[in-house]
């Protein structure tokens, strides 16, 4: 799996692990997939992760590129702030 795919799957896992995704959150992950230039097959993997959740920490541990980790961090923080609230679980993700 490419690191670009891992970045978007990590974002999808973070979002998919919470209940009640909003349309805005789904679109947010979709835009990240477009920015990363993912193929249709990769986009389908991301959608599956978004729907079923995933192990965020495990996926992130496979990303070695500093640039991609920075991209993911910025995306994660922005995604968390979509609802203007940071709960304890979200704070833990930021700290990771």
N, C-alpha and C. Protein backbone atom coordinates (compact mmCIF):
# COMPACT_ATOMS: atom_id res chain seq x y z
N UNK A 1 0.85 -1.17 0.00
CA UNK A 1 0.00 0.00 0.00
C UNK A 1 0.90 1.24 0.00
N UNK A 2 0.58 2.18 -0.86
CA UNK A 2 1.37 3.41 -0.94
C UNK A 2 1.14 4.27 0.29
N UNK A 3 2.12 5.11 0.58
CA UNK A 3 1.97 6.01 1.73
C UNK A 3 0.87 7.04 1.47
N UNK A 4 0.67 7.43 0.23
CA UNK A 4 -0.42 8.37 -0.08
C UNK A 4 -1.76 7.74 0.30
N UNK A 5 -1.93 6.47 -0.04
CA UNK A 5 -3.16 5.76 0.33
C UNK A 5 -3.26 5.63 1.84
N UNK A 6 -2.16 5.33 2.50
CA UNK A 6 -2.18 5.21 3.96
C UNK A 6 -2.62 6.51 4.63
N UNK A 7 -2.19 7.64 4.09
CA UNK A 7 -2.56 8.94 4.66
C UNK A 7 -4.08 9.11 4.64
N UNK A 8 -4.68 8.84 3.49
CA UNK A 8 -6.12 9.04 3.36
C UNK A 8 -6.89 7.97 4.14
N UNK A 9 -6.37 6.75 4.17
CA UNK A 9 -7.03 5.70 4.96
C UNK A 9 -6.95 6.02 6.45
N UNK A 10 -5.86 6.61 6.91
CA UNK A 10 -5.76 7.00 8.31
C UNK A 10 -6.82 8.05 8.63
N UNK A 11 -6.96 9.02 7.75
CA UNK A 11 -7.99 10.05 7.94
C UNK A 11 -9.38 9.41 7.95
N UNK A 12 -9.61 8.49 7.02
CA UNK A 12 -10.90 7.80 6.94
C UNK A 12 -11.14 6.96 8.20
N UNK A 13 -10.10 6.30 8.69
CA UNK A 13 -10.24 5.49 9.91
C UNK A 13 -10.62 6.36 11.09
N UNK A 14 -9.96 7.50 11.21
CA UNK A 14 -10.27 8.42 12.30
C UNK A 14 -11.73 8.85 12.23
N UNK A 15 -12.17 9.20 11.04
CA UNK A 15 -13.55 9.67 10.87
C UNK A 15 -14.54 8.52 10.99
N UNK A 16 -14.18 7.36 10.44
CA UNK A 16 -15.09 6.22 10.43
C UNK A 16 -15.29 5.58 11.79
N UNK A 17 -14.39 5.84 12.72
CA UNK A 17 -14.49 5.25 14.04
C UNK A 17 -15.46 5.99 14.95
N UNK A 18 -16.00 7.09 14.48
CA UNK A 18 -16.99 7.79 15.29
C UNK A 18 -18.37 7.56 14.68
N UNK A 19 -19.36 7.76 15.46
CA UNK A 19 -20.72 7.51 15.00
C UNK A 19 -21.30 8.75 14.32
N UNK A 20 -22.15 8.52 13.34
CA UNK A 20 -22.89 9.60 12.72
C UNK A 20 -22.08 10.54 11.87
N UNK A 21 -21.41 10.01 10.86
CA UNK A 21 -20.66 10.87 9.94
C UNK A 21 -21.60 11.83 9.23
N UNK A 22 -21.15 13.04 9.10
CA UNK A 22 -21.92 14.03 8.35
C UNK A 22 -21.49 14.00 6.89
N UNK A 23 -22.31 14.55 6.03
CA UNK A 23 -21.97 14.63 4.61
C UNK A 23 -20.70 15.46 4.43
N UNK A 24 -20.55 16.49 5.23
CA UNK A 24 -19.36 17.34 5.17
C UNK A 24 -18.09 16.54 5.48
N UNK A 25 -18.17 15.65 6.46
CA UNK A 25 -17.01 14.83 6.83
C UNK A 25 -16.66 13.84 5.71
N UNK A 26 -17.67 13.23 5.11
CA UNK A 26 -17.45 12.30 4.01
C UNK A 26 -16.80 13.04 2.83
N UNK A 27 -17.30 14.22 2.53
CA UNK A 27 -16.73 15.02 1.44
C UNK A 27 -15.30 15.42 1.76
N UNK A 28 -15.02 15.70 3.01
CA UNK A 28 -13.68 16.11 3.43
C UNK A 28 -12.67 15.01 3.12
N UNK A 29 -13.02 13.77 3.44
CA UNK A 29 -12.14 12.63 3.15
C UNK A 29 -12.02 12.46 1.63
N UNK A 30 -13.11 12.64 0.92
CA UNK A 30 -13.07 12.53 -0.54
C UNK A 30 -12.14 13.55 -1.17
N UNK A 31 -12.15 14.75 -0.64
CA UNK A 31 -11.25 15.79 -1.16
C UNK A 31 -9.78 15.44 -0.88
N UNK A 32 -9.52 14.86 0.27
CA UNK A 32 -8.14 14.43 0.58
C UNK A 32 -7.70 13.35 -0.40
N UNK A 33 -8.61 12.45 -0.74
CA UNK A 33 -8.29 11.39 -1.71
C UNK A 33 -7.96 11.99 -3.08
N UNK A 34 -8.72 13.00 -3.46
CA UNK A 34 -8.44 13.68 -4.73
C UNK A 34 -7.10 14.39 -4.70
N UNK A 35 -6.82 15.07 -3.59
CA UNK A 35 -5.54 15.78 -3.46
C UNK A 35 -4.35 14.82 -3.53
N UNK A 36 -4.52 13.63 -3.01
CA UNK A 36 -3.45 12.63 -3.03
C UNK A 36 -3.35 11.92 -4.37
N UNK A 37 -4.32 12.17 -5.26
CA UNK A 37 -4.29 11.56 -6.58
C UNK A 37 -4.54 10.07 -6.56
N UNK A 38 -5.42 9.62 -5.68
CA UNK A 38 -5.69 8.19 -5.58
C UNK A 38 -6.48 7.67 -6.78
N UNK A 39 -6.25 6.40 -7.10
CA UNK A 39 -6.98 5.75 -8.19
C UNK A 39 -8.40 5.42 -7.71
N UNK A 40 -9.24 4.98 -8.63
CA UNK A 40 -10.60 4.59 -8.26
C UNK A 40 -10.58 3.42 -7.28
N UNK A 41 -9.68 2.46 -7.51
CA UNK A 41 -9.58 1.31 -6.60
C UNK A 41 -9.14 1.75 -5.20
N UNK A 42 -8.18 2.66 -5.15
CA UNK A 42 -7.72 3.17 -3.86
C UNK A 42 -8.83 3.96 -3.17
N UNK A 43 -9.57 4.73 -3.96
CA UNK A 43 -10.68 5.51 -3.41
C UNK A 43 -11.73 4.56 -2.81
N UNK A 44 -11.95 3.42 -3.46
CA UNK A 44 -12.90 2.43 -2.93
C UNK A 44 -12.41 1.88 -1.60
N UNK A 45 -11.10 1.66 -1.46
CA UNK A 45 -10.53 1.21 -0.19
C UNK A 45 -10.77 2.25 0.91
N UNK A 46 -10.59 3.50 0.55
CA UNK A 46 -10.81 4.59 1.51
C UNK A 46 -12.27 4.62 1.94
N UNK A 47 -13.16 4.48 0.98
CA UNK A 47 -14.60 4.50 1.29
C UNK A 47 -14.95 3.36 2.24
N UNK A 48 -14.38 2.19 2.00
CA UNK A 48 -14.63 1.04 2.88
C UNK A 48 -14.14 1.33 4.30
N UNK A 49 -12.96 1.92 4.41
CA UNK A 49 -12.42 2.27 5.72
C UNK A 49 -13.30 3.32 6.40
N UNK A 50 -13.78 4.26 5.63
CA UNK A 50 -14.66 5.31 6.17
C UNK A 50 -15.94 4.69 6.72
N UNK A 51 -16.48 3.71 6.01
CA UNK A 51 -17.73 3.08 6.42
C UNK A 51 -17.55 2.11 7.59
N UNK A 52 -16.41 1.41 7.63
CA UNK A 52 -16.21 0.37 8.62
C UNK A 52 -15.28 0.76 9.76
N UNK A 53 -14.59 1.88 9.60
CA UNK A 53 -13.60 2.27 10.61
C UNK A 53 -12.30 1.52 10.37
N UNK A 54 -11.35 1.75 11.21
CA UNK A 54 -10.05 1.11 11.06
C UNK A 54 -9.14 1.49 12.21
N UNK A 55 -7.96 0.93 12.19
CA UNK A 55 -6.98 1.18 13.25
C UNK A 55 -6.10 2.36 12.85
N UNK A 56 -6.50 3.53 13.28
CA UNK A 56 -5.79 4.77 12.94
C UNK A 56 -4.30 4.68 13.28
N UNK A 57 -3.99 4.29 14.50
CA UNK A 57 -2.59 4.25 14.96
C UNK A 57 -1.76 3.28 14.14
N UNK A 58 -2.34 2.14 13.79
CA UNK A 58 -1.63 1.15 13.00
C UNK A 58 -1.32 1.69 11.60
N UNK A 59 -2.29 2.35 11.00
CA UNK A 59 -2.08 2.90 9.66
C UNK A 59 -1.01 4.00 9.71
N UNK A 60 -1.11 4.89 10.66
CA UNK A 60 -0.16 6.00 10.78
C UNK A 60 1.26 5.49 10.98
N UNK A 61 1.41 4.41 11.72
CA UNK A 61 2.76 3.89 11.98
C UNK A 61 3.47 3.46 10.70
N UNK A 62 2.73 3.21 9.63
CA UNK A 62 3.34 2.82 8.37
C UNK A 62 3.75 3.98 7.48
N UNK A 63 3.49 5.20 7.92
CA UNK A 63 3.81 6.39 7.12
C UNK A 63 5.15 6.95 7.59
N UNK A 64 6.17 6.87 6.73
CA UNK A 64 7.48 7.35 7.13
C UNK A 64 7.82 8.74 6.57
N UNK A 65 7.14 9.14 5.51
CA UNK A 65 7.42 10.43 4.89
C UNK A 65 6.99 11.58 5.81
N UNK A 66 7.95 12.44 6.14
CA UNK A 66 7.65 13.59 6.98
C UNK A 66 6.60 14.49 6.31
N UNK A 67 6.73 14.68 5.01
CA UNK A 67 5.78 15.53 4.27
C UNK A 67 4.37 14.97 4.36
N UNK A 68 4.22 13.67 4.18
CA UNK A 68 2.89 13.08 4.23
C UNK A 68 2.35 13.04 5.65
N UNK A 69 3.22 12.83 6.64
CA UNK A 69 2.76 12.87 8.03
C UNK A 69 2.29 14.28 8.39
N UNK A 70 2.97 15.30 7.89
CA UNK A 70 2.56 16.69 8.13
C UNK A 70 1.23 16.97 7.45
N UNK A 71 1.07 16.50 6.21
CA UNK A 71 -0.20 16.66 5.50
C UNK A 71 -1.33 16.02 6.31
N UNK A 72 -1.09 14.79 6.79
CA UNK A 72 -2.11 14.09 7.57
C UNK A 72 -2.42 14.85 8.85
N UNK A 73 -1.40 15.32 9.57
CA UNK A 73 -1.64 16.04 10.82
C UNK A 73 -2.53 17.25 10.58
N UNK A 74 -2.22 18.01 9.56
CA UNK A 74 -3.03 19.21 9.26
C UNK A 74 -4.46 18.82 8.92
N UNK A 75 -4.61 17.76 8.14
CA UNK A 75 -5.95 17.30 7.77
C UNK A 75 -6.72 16.79 8.99
N UNK A 76 -6.06 16.08 9.86
CA UNK A 76 -6.71 15.53 11.06
C UNK A 76 -7.20 16.67 11.94
N UNK A 77 -6.35 17.65 12.18
CA UNK A 77 -6.75 18.78 13.03
C UNK A 77 -7.93 19.52 12.40
N UNK A 78 -7.86 19.77 11.11
CA UNK A 78 -8.96 20.47 10.43
C UNK A 78 -10.25 19.63 10.50
N UNK A 79 -10.12 18.32 10.33
CA UNK A 79 -11.31 17.45 10.40
C UNK A 79 -11.92 17.47 11.79
N UNK A 80 -11.08 17.43 12.79
CA UNK A 80 -11.57 17.46 14.16
C UNK A 80 -12.32 18.76 14.45
N UNK A 81 -11.86 19.83 13.86
CA UNK A 81 -12.48 21.14 14.11
C UNK A 81 -13.71 21.42 13.25
N UNK A 82 -14.10 20.47 12.38
CA UNK A 82 -15.29 20.67 11.56
C UNK A 82 -16.52 20.94 12.41
N UNK A 83 -16.58 20.33 13.60
CA UNK A 83 -17.74 20.55 14.47
C UNK A 83 -17.45 21.53 15.61
N UNK A 84 -16.32 22.24 15.52
CA UNK A 84 -15.94 23.26 16.49
C UNK A 84 -15.75 22.74 17.91
N UNK A 85 -15.44 21.45 18.06
CA UNK A 85 -15.33 20.83 19.37
C UNK A 85 -14.21 19.79 19.35
N UNK A 86 -13.43 19.71 20.38
CA UNK A 86 -12.41 18.67 20.50
C UNK A 86 -12.71 17.86 21.75
N UNK A 87 -13.13 16.60 21.53
CA UNK A 87 -13.41 15.75 22.69
C UNK A 87 -12.13 15.00 23.08
N UNK A 88 -12.20 14.20 24.13
CA UNK A 88 -11.01 13.53 24.66
C UNK A 88 -10.39 12.56 23.64
N UNK A 89 -11.23 11.81 22.92
CA UNK A 89 -10.73 10.88 21.92
C UNK A 89 -10.00 11.63 20.79
N UNK A 90 -10.56 12.75 20.39
CA UNK A 90 -9.94 13.55 19.33
C UNK A 90 -8.62 14.16 19.80
N UNK A 91 -8.59 14.59 21.05
CA UNK A 91 -7.35 15.14 21.61
C UNK A 91 -6.25 14.08 21.61
N UNK A 92 -6.63 12.85 21.93
CA UNK A 92 -5.66 11.76 21.94
C UNK A 92 -5.10 11.52 20.53
N UNK A 93 -5.93 11.61 19.52
CA UNK A 93 -5.48 11.45 18.13
C UNK A 93 -4.51 12.56 17.78
N UNK A 94 -4.79 13.78 18.15
CA UNK A 94 -3.88 14.90 17.88
C UNK A 94 -2.55 14.66 18.57
N UNK A 95 -2.59 14.20 19.81
CA UNK A 95 -1.36 13.95 20.56
C UNK A 95 -0.50 12.86 19.95
N UNK A 96 -1.12 11.89 19.31
CA UNK A 96 -0.37 10.82 18.66
C UNK A 96 0.45 11.38 17.53
